[in-house]
Amino acid sequence: MYIYWAYIVVTTVLNGFLMNLIRVRESGFFRRPSNLIDSNFSILFTAFFVQLFVIQIQIFIFNLVIDCFITPVSPYTFLYGFLVSFLTTIISISMMSLLLLFKCKQRTFYMIINLFLFGGLLLLSARPEGVWNYILTMINPFQFIYALYSVPCIINSFSLILGAFTICYMLIGIIVLSRLTKKDD
């Protein structure tokens, strides 16, 4: 089920959160002074919480459908999916915020995202051995989020590498998103 959860998180972040930020950025909202809000981070937090809510509902419905029609799902699995999705959503947003560095129009960004989704799903089917598997996991958001869901099942040195990349992606996300929302003085 983890791979499907990863797909839900990545596609929702790409199509929801990032596309909304591109629309807001393209409208020039981040550069205009506003009397309604003091910080543009409130826009980010609002978009984040909306996407988090949507992801939680999608994962719950997915688990419910699996439970009703395919195989019984433990209540612990429902709880695990709910709790870990908070973390994976934050990390997915941080990881894919690198796409916001592309200064392009909304239509071009749609094409980039579609290529990104296609490439990520295509790479998901590749299963190289050894170091190449680690590299592919660290650059492909689908595999990275899947690996984060699987951490309790894989306690080894790979978990440490995953943790280090998680911290790096979080720092990158903070830098990129703070640059995006910085107002001109």
Protein backbone atom coordinates (compact mmCIF):
# COMPACT_ATOMS: atom_id res chain seq x y z
CA MET A 1 0.00 0.00 0.00
CA TYR A 2 2.97 2.31 0.57
CA ILE A 3 3.62 2.76 -3.13
CA TYR A 4 0.05 3.90 -3.70
CA TRP A 5 0.27 6.28 -0.76
CA ALA A 6 3.49 7.69 -2.24
CA TYR A 7 1.73 8.19 -5.58
CA ILE A 8 -1.15 10.00 -3.86
CA VAL A 9 1.22 12.32 -1.98
CA VAL A 10 3.49 13.17 -4.92
CA THR A 11 0.76 13.76 -7.49
CA THR A 12 -1.34 15.83 -5.08
CA VAL A 13 1.63 17.99 -4.14
CA LEU A 14 2.59 18.47 -7.79
CA ASN A 15 -0.89 19.15 -9.12
CA GLY A 16 -2.25 20.97 -6.10
CA PHE A 17 0.37 22.76 -4.05
CA LEU A 18 2.96 23.58 -6.72
CA MET A 19 0.43 24.52 -9.38
CA ASN A 20 -1.34 26.87 -6.94
CA LEU A 21 1.96 28.51 -6.06
CA ILE A 22 2.78 28.94 -9.75
CA ARG A 23 -0.60 30.62 -10.32
CA VAL A 24 -0.07 32.93 -7.36
CA ARG A 25 3.51 33.70 -8.41
CA GLU A 26 2.46 34.37 -12.01
CA SER A 27 -0.23 36.78 -10.86
CA GLY A 28 2.48 38.76 -9.07
CA PHE A 29 0.85 38.37 -5.66
CA PHE A 30 4.12 37.66 -3.84
CA ARG A 31 5.62 40.93 -5.08
CA ARG A 32 2.64 43.19 -4.31
CA PRO A 33 2.28 44.76 -0.89
CA SER A 34 -0.83 43.61 0.91
CA ASN A 35 -2.68 45.20 3.80
CA LEU A 36 -4.51 41.96 4.57
CA ILE A 37 -1.50 39.84 5.49
CA ASP A 38 1.86 40.69 7.02
CA SER A 39 3.69 37.64 5.69
CA ASN A 40 3.39 35.73 2.45
CA PHE A 41 4.11 32.58 4.44
CA SER A 42 0.44 32.55 5.42
CA ILE A 43 -0.33 31.82 1.74
CA LEU A 44 2.11 28.89 1.86
CA PHE A 45 0.67 27.57 5.12
CA THR A 46 -2.86 27.80 3.80
CA ALA A 47 -1.93 25.97 0.59
CA PHE A 48 -0.02 23.38 2.63
CA PHE A 49 -2.89 22.67 5.02
CA VAL A 50 -5.39 22.38 2.19
CA GLN A 51 -3.17 19.88 0.39
CA LEU A 52 -2.49 17.99 3.62
CA PHE A 53 -6.24 17.72 4.24
CA VAL A 54 -6.83 16.51 0.66
CA ILE A 55 -4.03 13.94 0.96
CA GLN A 56 -5.37 12.65 4.27
CA ILE A 57 -8.85 12.21 2.78
CA GLN A 58 -7.46 10.48 -0.31
CA ILE A 59 -5.37 8.05 1.73
CA PHE A 60 -8.27 7.33 4.09
CA ILE A 61 -10.63 6.63 1.17
CA PHE A 62 -7.98 4.50 -0.54
CA ASN A 63 -7.49 2.46 2.66
CA LEU A 64 -11.25 2.15 3.10
CA VAL A 65 -11.70 0.85 -0.47
CA ILE A 66 -8.88 -1.66 0.05
CA ASP A 67 -10.44 -2.72 3.35
CA CYS A 68 -13.93 -3.14 1.90
CA PHE A 69 -13.17 -4.70 -1.48
CA ILE A 70 -9.74 -6.34 -1.47
CA THR A 71 -8.32 -7.32 1.90
CA PRO A 72 -8.89 -6.34 5.53
CA VAL A 73 -6.75 -3.42 6.65
CA SER A 74 -5.63 -3.13 10.23
CA PRO A 75 -6.65 -0.03 12.21
CA TYR A 76 -2.92 0.44 12.80
CA THR A 77 -2.43 0.75 9.05
CA PHE A 78 -5.06 3.47 8.92
CA LEU A 79 -3.31 5.26 11.79
CA TYR A 80 0.14 4.77 10.26
CA GLY A 81 -1.02 6.14 6.91
CA PHE A 82 -2.56 9.15 8.64
CA LEU A 83 0.45 9.99 10.81
CA VAL A 84 3.25 9.38 8.32
CA SER A 85 1.42 11.31 5.61
CA PHE A 86 2.04 14.51 7.58
CA LEU A 87 5.78 13.93 7.32
CA THR A 88 5.78 12.72 3.73
CA THR A 89 3.70 15.69 2.58
CA ILE A 90 6.13 18.16 4.13
CA ILE A 91 9.12 16.36 2.65
CA SER A 92 7.45 15.99 -0.75
CA ILE A 93 6.74 19.72 -0.84
CA SER A 94 10.32 20.48 0.19
CA MET A 95 11.77 18.08 -2.36
CA MET A 96 9.69 19.30 -5.26
CA SER A 97 10.02 22.97 -4.39
CA LEU A 98 13.14 22.82 -6.55
CA LEU A 99 10.75 22.93 -9.51
CA LEU A 100 9.74 26.42 -8.41
CA LEU A 101 13.22 27.63 -9.36
CA PHE A 102 12.17 27.37 -13.00
CA LYS A 103 11.00 30.85 -13.95
CA CYS A 104 8.42 29.82 -16.50
CA LYS A 105 4.80 30.44 -17.33
CA GLN A 106 1.97 28.28 -16.05
CA ARG A 107 1.51 26.37 -19.32
CA THR A 108 5.19 25.53 -19.50
CA PHE A 109 5.10 24.44 -15.88
CA TYR A 110 2.20 22.08 -16.71
CA MET A 111 4.40 20.43 -19.33
CA ILE A 112 7.34 20.21 -16.93
CA ILE A 113 5.15 18.60 -14.27
CA ASN A 114 3.70 16.09 -16.74
CA LEU A 115 7.20 15.14 -17.88
CA PHE A 116 8.26 14.94 -14.25
CA LEU A 117 5.34 12.64 -13.40
CA PHE A 118 5.92 10.45 -16.45
CA GLY A 119 9.66 10.23 -15.78
CA GLY A 120 9.13 9.48 -12.10
CA LEU A 121 6.65 6.71 -12.83
CA LEU A 122 8.91 5.30 -15.53
CA LEU A 123 11.87 5.27 -13.14
CA LEU A 124 9.68 3.61 -10.53
CA SER A 125 9.63 0.49 -12.68
CA ALA A 126 13.45 0.38 -12.85
CA ARG A 127 14.99 -1.72 -10.11
CA PRO A 128 18.79 -1.43 -10.33
CA GLU A 129 21.00 -3.06 -7.74
CA GLY A 130 23.35 -1.55 -5.20
CA VAL A 131 24.38 2.09 -5.29
CA TRP A 132 22.27 2.85 -8.37
CA ASN A 133 19.17 1.88 -6.43
CA TYR A 134 20.11 4.32 -3.67
CA ILE A 135 20.78 7.12 -6.17
CA LEU A 136 17.52 6.49 -7.98
CA THR A 137 15.62 6.47 -4.70
CA MET A 138 17.11 9.80 -3.66
CA ILE A 139 16.25 11.61 -6.92
CA ASN A 140 12.86 10.08 -7.76
CA PRO A 141 10.16 11.54 -5.49
CA PHE A 142 7.90 8.49 -5.89
CA GLN A 143 10.62 6.14 -4.67
CA PHE A 144 11.80 8.56 -2.00
CA ILE A 145 8.35 8.94 -0.45
CA TYR A 146 7.79 5.17 -0.77
CA ALA A 147 11.07 4.61 1.08
CA LEU A 148 9.96 7.02 3.82
CA TYR A 149 6.77 5.03 4.32
CA SER A 150 8.86 1.84 4.43
CA VAL A 151 11.40 3.05 7.03
CA PRO A 152 10.00 0.88 9.86
CA CYS A 153 10.55 -2.14 7.62
CA ILE A 154 14.16 -1.27 6.66
CA ILE A 155 16.28 -0.36 9.66
CA ASN A 156 19.81 -0.30 8.23
CA SER A 157 22.38 2.11 6.78
CA PHE A 158 19.93 3.03 4.03
CA SER A 159 17.70 4.59 6.70
CA LEU A 160 20.57 6.87 7.70
CA ILE A 161 21.10 7.93 4.08
CA LEU A 162 17.36 8.51 3.76
CA GLY A 163 17.41 10.64 6.91
CA ALA A 164 20.33 12.73 5.64
CA PHE A 165 18.58 13.38 2.32
CA THR A 166 15.36 14.20 4.16
CA ILE A 167 17.17 16.90 6.12
CA CYS A 168 18.80 18.22 2.94
CA TYR A 169 15.46 18.37 1.12
CA MET A 170 13.86 20.14 4.10
CA LEU A 171 16.61 22.79 4.07
CA ILE A 172 16.28 23.21 0.30
CA GLY A 173 12.51 23.59 0.66
CA ILE A 174 12.90 26.25 3.36
CA ILE A 175 15.38 28.21 1.23
CA VAL A 176 13.35 27.99 -2.00
CA LEU A 177 10.00 28.78 -0.40
CA SER A 178 11.41 31.68 1.61
CA ARG A 179 12.95 33.12 -1.57
CA LEU A 180 9.61 32.76 -3.32
CA THR A 181 7.74 34.72 -0.69
CA LYS A 182 10.30 37.43 -0.02
CA LYS A 183 8.78 40.85 -0.61
CA ASP A 184 10.66 43.60 -2.40
CA ASP A 185 11.43 46.47 -0.06
